[in-house]
Each structure stands twice: as structure tokens, then as C-alpha cells.
Amino acid sequence: LFERNPTLQTELSTLAGKTADSVENGFYKLSSVANIEQVPPGTHGGVDFPESPPGKYELMAHTHNSPSESTYSIYSYHDILWIADKLKKDKIKPSKFTSFLSTADGTHYALTISDINKFKKSFSTIFDGAIYDSAAALRREEAKIKYYEGKNPNSISDELIKAANTDLEMDALYFVKMLAYMDCGLSIFETDSNFTNFQ
């Protein structure tokens, strides 16, 4: 990926320096276009990537903005749904796609699709024409409630991944556990602000 896009590392490092902004920032690269494209800073907190770009996403990168106590230190559930939505619309090249994230908590990650069949099975309620897998759909719903929504939205927050969490390693561990429980074909890698070491 970095060999195909020689400016990517610089772009990611620059983006990582924008996490103190009060809005999200981001950029993307389409497989049909040579250049990396910036998206306008978010006007409502989040950042909006093109819904129907003239090609397939090869990569996307965005921030979770400041203040750190009001944004996730890890990918949000909405971030994963974005991938599912673009796959449904045939706007992602699954074998080459990577999602990058830098947060106001100082965390940096990359997320890839390691098994497209597992991903489609896990999100089978989203994909038209996909074979519905009730067990996979149930695991996804259980994971969403346990890790992001909580059992009762009207009571004290009991979800495991919260925007206000200060234990960043625990957030990362919970996210890895969630992916493993869902068995959804996604792989996450932790990296640094220069995006040079991935583990």
C-alpha cells in the first residue's frame, strides 16, 4: 500500500497532527485515481466521505477529534458500518482496502478486511442478496450492545467501549475481543503517529 502511494506516510503523519482540532479531518484514495483526496473538515463533528465516488476506495483515513474525553480512542461502531455500507455499494476493493485512524487520545490504528466472506456473513442483514446467517447476525448485535450501546440506554452506561474511557489499552483489548467474538473478518493493527511500525 505504501509502495503504491509514496506520499501516504506523510499524509497520515500530517493528519495525526490534526487530532487537536474540534472537528474530524480525513482523506481517501480511490483505486482509479492516482492522487490522495482530502475531504472537508467535519461541520457536525464527523467527516463526510463521498457516498458514490467515481471508483472504489483503496484507503480512507480520519481522526477522532478533540476533546479526547468525548471521542473514542478506537474505531467506533459507525466506522465499521461505513465499511459495510461501501462494500454493499461496491465502492471498496476489499483485498486492498485499509482504514486508518488517529485519535485525540494519541492512538493510531489501521483496519483491514482479512476475510470478505466472514465480513459479509457478519453483516448479512446489510448486504442485499447475501445469504442470511442468523448466528453471525446475532453475534454482531450482541457485540454492538455489549461494547458500544449498553444493555439499557436509559440506565447508567454499561457499554465497555466509551468515549470517556481513559484506559486506552483496555479500549484496544475490548475492540480486539469484539472482533474475535463477531468473527467478522476484520484485522486491526496498532501503529505510531508516523505510521512506520504496525503490530
Protein backbone atom coordinates (compact mmCIF):
# COMPACT_ATOMS: atom_id res chain seq x y z
CA LEU A 1 0.00 0.00 0.00
CA PHE A 2 2.74 2.45 0.94
CA GLU A 3 4.76 1.47 -2.14
CA ARG A 4 1.78 2.22 -4.37
CA ASN A 5 1.21 5.54 -2.60
CA PRO A 6 4.58 7.19 -1.84
CA THR A 7 3.03 10.24 -0.15
CA LEU A 8 0.74 8.20 2.12
CA GLN A 9 3.03 8.11 5.16
CA THR A 10 3.48 11.89 5.07
CA GLU A 11 -0.26 12.41 4.65
CA LEU A 12 -1.00 10.13 7.61
CA SER A 13 1.53 11.89 9.83
CA THR A 14 0.07 15.27 8.89
CA LEU A 15 -3.43 14.02 9.63
CA ALA A 16 -2.29 12.68 13.02
CA GLY A 17 -1.23 16.22 13.89
CA LYS A 18 -4.81 17.46 13.45
CA THR A 19 -6.40 15.48 16.27
CA ALA A 20 -6.44 18.59 18.48
CA ASP A 21 -8.96 20.16 16.10
CA SER A 22 -12.56 20.39 17.29
CA VAL A 23 -13.81 18.60 14.17
CA GLU A 24 -12.78 15.43 12.36
CA ASN A 25 -10.45 15.50 9.35
CA GLY A 26 -9.74 12.88 6.73
CA PHE A 27 -8.64 11.83 3.28
CA TYR A 28 -9.11 8.93 0.89
CA LYS A 29 -7.63 7.27 -2.17
CA LEU A 30 -9.60 5.64 -4.98
CA SER A 31 -8.11 2.76 -6.94
CA SER A 32 -8.98 4.56 -10.18
CA VAL A 33 -7.29 7.85 -9.23
CA ALA A 34 -3.57 8.49 -8.75
CA ASN A 35 -3.81 11.15 -6.04
CA ILE A 36 -4.93 11.15 -2.43
CA GLU A 37 -8.02 13.32 -1.97
CA GLN A 38 -8.72 15.43 1.11
CA VAL A 39 -12.23 15.74 2.49
CA PRO A 40 -13.53 18.98 4.03
CA PRO A 41 -13.26 19.11 7.84
CA GLY A 42 -16.42 17.88 9.51
CA THR A 43 -19.05 20.52 10.16
CA HIS A 44 -21.03 18.41 12.65
CA GLY A 45 -18.19 16.62 14.43
CA GLY A 46 -17.83 13.78 11.93
CA VAL A 47 -16.29 13.88 8.47
CA ASP A 48 -18.23 13.00 5.32
CA PHE A 49 -16.60 10.87 2.63
CA PRO A 50 -18.19 10.78 -0.84
CA GLU A 51 -21.14 8.40 -0.93
CA SER A 52 -20.74 7.48 -4.60
CA PRO A 53 -17.18 8.23 -5.69
CA PRO A 54 -16.09 7.58 -9.31
CA GLY A 55 -14.17 4.49 -8.30
CA LYS A 56 -13.53 2.14 -5.38
CA TYR A 57 -11.95 3.13 -2.09
CA GLU A 58 -8.45 1.76 -1.69
CA LEU A 59 -7.91 3.55 1.60
CA MET A 60 -9.51 6.07 3.88
CA ALA A 61 -8.11 7.85 6.92
CA HIS A 62 -9.78 10.03 9.51
CA THR A 63 -9.39 11.43 13.00
CA HIS A 64 -11.41 11.24 16.18
CA ASN A 65 -11.13 14.85 17.22
CA SER A 66 -10.54 16.74 20.46
CA PRO A 67 -11.54 16.82 23.26
CA SER A 68 -10.35 13.28 23.92
CA GLU A 69 -12.93 12.63 26.65
CA SER A 70 -15.76 12.98 24.13
CA THR A 71 -14.41 10.81 21.29
CA TYR A 72 -13.42 7.16 21.00
CA SER A 73 -9.76 6.12 21.27
CA ILE A 74 -10.55 3.25 18.90
CA TYR A 75 -12.79 2.71 15.87
CA SER A 76 -16.45 3.45 16.53
CA TYR A 77 -19.22 1.06 15.54
CA HIS A 78 -20.23 3.66 12.95
CA ASP A 79 -16.74 3.37 11.41
CA ILE A 80 -17.33 -0.35 10.83
CA LEU A 81 -20.81 0.26 9.42
CA TRP A 82 -19.28 2.74 6.96
CA ILE A 83 -17.11 -0.07 5.57
CA ALA A 84 -20.12 -2.38 5.31
CA ASP A 85 -22.16 0.28 3.53
CA LYS A 86 -19.44 1.00 0.97
CA LEU A 87 -18.92 -2.71 0.35
CA LYS A 88 -22.65 -3.12 -0.24
CA LYS A 89 -22.47 -0.32 -2.81
CA ASP A 90 -19.42 -1.93 -4.43
CA LYS A 91 -17.30 1.12 -3.55
CA ILE A 92 -14.44 -0.72 -1.78
CA LYS A 93 -11.71 -3.00 -3.08
CA PRO A 94 -11.74 -5.49 -0.16
CA SER A 95 -8.39 -7.14 -0.95
CA LYS A 96 -6.57 -3.80 -0.92
CA PHE A 97 -8.64 -1.63 1.41
CA THR A 98 -7.22 -0.14 4.63
CA SER A 99 -8.88 2.24 7.07
CA PHE A 100 -6.51 4.41 9.12
CA LEU A 101 -7.40 6.20 12.35
CA SER A 102 -5.68 8.77 14.58
CA THR A 103 -7.39 9.96 17.76
CA ALA A 104 -7.15 12.83 20.24
CA ASP A 105 -6.12 10.21 22.80
CA GLY A 106 -2.86 9.73 20.89
CA THR A 107 -3.77 6.33 19.47
CA HIS A 108 -3.20 5.30 15.86
CA TYR A 109 -4.58 2.25 14.06
CA ALA A 110 -5.07 0.51 10.74
CA LEU A 111 -8.04 -1.76 9.97
CA THR A 112 -8.11 -4.23 7.07
CA ILE A 113 -10.54 -6.77 5.65
CA SER A 114 -8.84 -10.13 6.12
CA ASP A 115 -11.82 -12.30 5.09
CA ILE A 116 -14.52 -10.71 2.93
CA ASN A 117 -16.82 -13.75 3.22
CA LYS A 118 -16.80 -13.59 7.02
CA PHE A 119 -17.43 -9.86 6.90
CA LYS A 120 -20.41 -10.22 4.59
CA LYS A 121 -21.76 -13.05 6.71
CA SER A 122 -21.46 -10.98 9.88
CA PHE A 123 -23.23 -8.04 8.22
CA SER A 124 -25.60 -10.18 6.17
CA THR A 125 -28.58 -8.04 7.16
CA ILE A 126 -26.96 -5.15 5.29
CA PHE A 127 -25.95 -6.90 2.08
CA ASP A 128 -28.78 -7.37 -0.41
CA GLY A 129 -28.81 -10.87 -1.82
CA ALA A 130 -26.30 -12.18 0.70
CA ILE A 131 -27.01 -15.48 2.41
CA TYR A 132 -28.51 -14.62 5.78
CA ASP A 133 -26.63 -16.13 8.71
CA SER A 134 -28.71 -15.82 11.85
CA ALA A 135 -25.90 -16.89 14.21
CA ALA A 136 -23.47 -14.35 12.75
CA ALA A 137 -26.12 -11.61 12.82
CA LEU A 138 -26.91 -12.40 16.45
CA ARG A 139 -23.22 -12.25 17.44
CA ARG A 140 -22.90 -8.86 15.74
CA GLU A 141 -25.95 -7.50 17.53
CA GLU A 142 -24.76 -8.86 20.89
CA ALA A 143 -21.32 -7.33 20.33
CA LYS A 144 -22.79 -3.94 19.42
CA ILE A 145 -24.82 -3.88 22.64
CA LYS A 146 -22.03 -5.17 24.88
CA TYR A 147 -19.23 -2.99 23.57
CA TYR A 148 -20.91 0.17 22.24
CA GLU A 149 -24.55 0.65 23.24
CA GLY A 150 -25.01 -0.92 26.64
CA LYS A 151 -27.82 -3.20 27.73
CA ASN A 152 -30.18 -0.38 28.68
CA PRO A 153 -29.66 3.05 27.07
CA ASN A 154 -31.93 4.61 29.72
CA SER A 155 -29.81 3.44 32.66
CA ILE A 156 -26.21 4.00 33.76
CA SER A 157 -23.87 3.48 30.83
CA ASP A 158 -22.57 -0.10 30.95
CA GLU A 159 -21.05 -0.44 27.47
CA LEU A 160 -17.40 -1.47 27.55
CA ILE A 161 -16.02 0.95 24.94
CA LYS A 162 -16.83 4.55 25.90
CA ALA A 163 -15.71 7.88 24.50
CA ALA A 164 -14.73 8.97 28.02
CA ASN A 165 -12.56 5.91 28.78
CA THR A 166 -9.02 6.75 29.88
CA ASP A 167 -7.62 3.20 29.79
CA LEU A 168 -6.61 3.18 26.14
CA GLU A 169 -5.06 -0.29 26.25
CA MET A 170 -8.31 -1.68 27.61
CA ASP A 171 -10.25 0.01 24.80
CA ALA A 172 -7.96 -1.68 22.27
CA LEU A 173 -8.30 -5.03 24.06
CA TYR A 174 -12.10 -4.76 24.11
CA PHE A 175 -12.11 -3.95 20.40
CA VAL A 176 -9.94 -6.98 19.60
CA LYS A 177 -12.22 -9.16 21.75
CA MET A 178 -15.25 -7.79 19.94
CA LEU A 179 -13.78 -8.59 16.52
CA ALA A 180 -12.91 -12.10 17.70
CA TYR A 181 -16.40 -12.70 19.09
CA MET A 182 -18.06 -11.43 15.91
CA ASP A 183 -15.60 -13.41 13.75
CA CYS A 184 -16.27 -10.76 11.12
CA GLY A 185 -13.10 -10.93 9.02
CA LEU A 186 -11.55 -7.64 10.16
CA SER A 187 -7.96 -7.25 11.41
CA ILE A 188 -6.65 -4.32 13.43
CA PHE A 189 -3.07 -3.09 13.75
CA GLU A 190 -1.72 -0.59 16.26
CA THR A 191 0.86 1.87 15.00
CA ASP A 192 2.60 5.15 15.85
CA SER A 193 1.96 8.76 14.79
CA ASN A 194 4.44 8.34 11.93
CA PHE A 195 2.73 5.13 10.75
CA THR A 196 6.04 3.28 10.47
CA ASN A 197 5.55 0.30 12.81
CA PHE A 198 2.44 -1.88 12.74
CA GLN A 199 1.69 -4.58 15.29
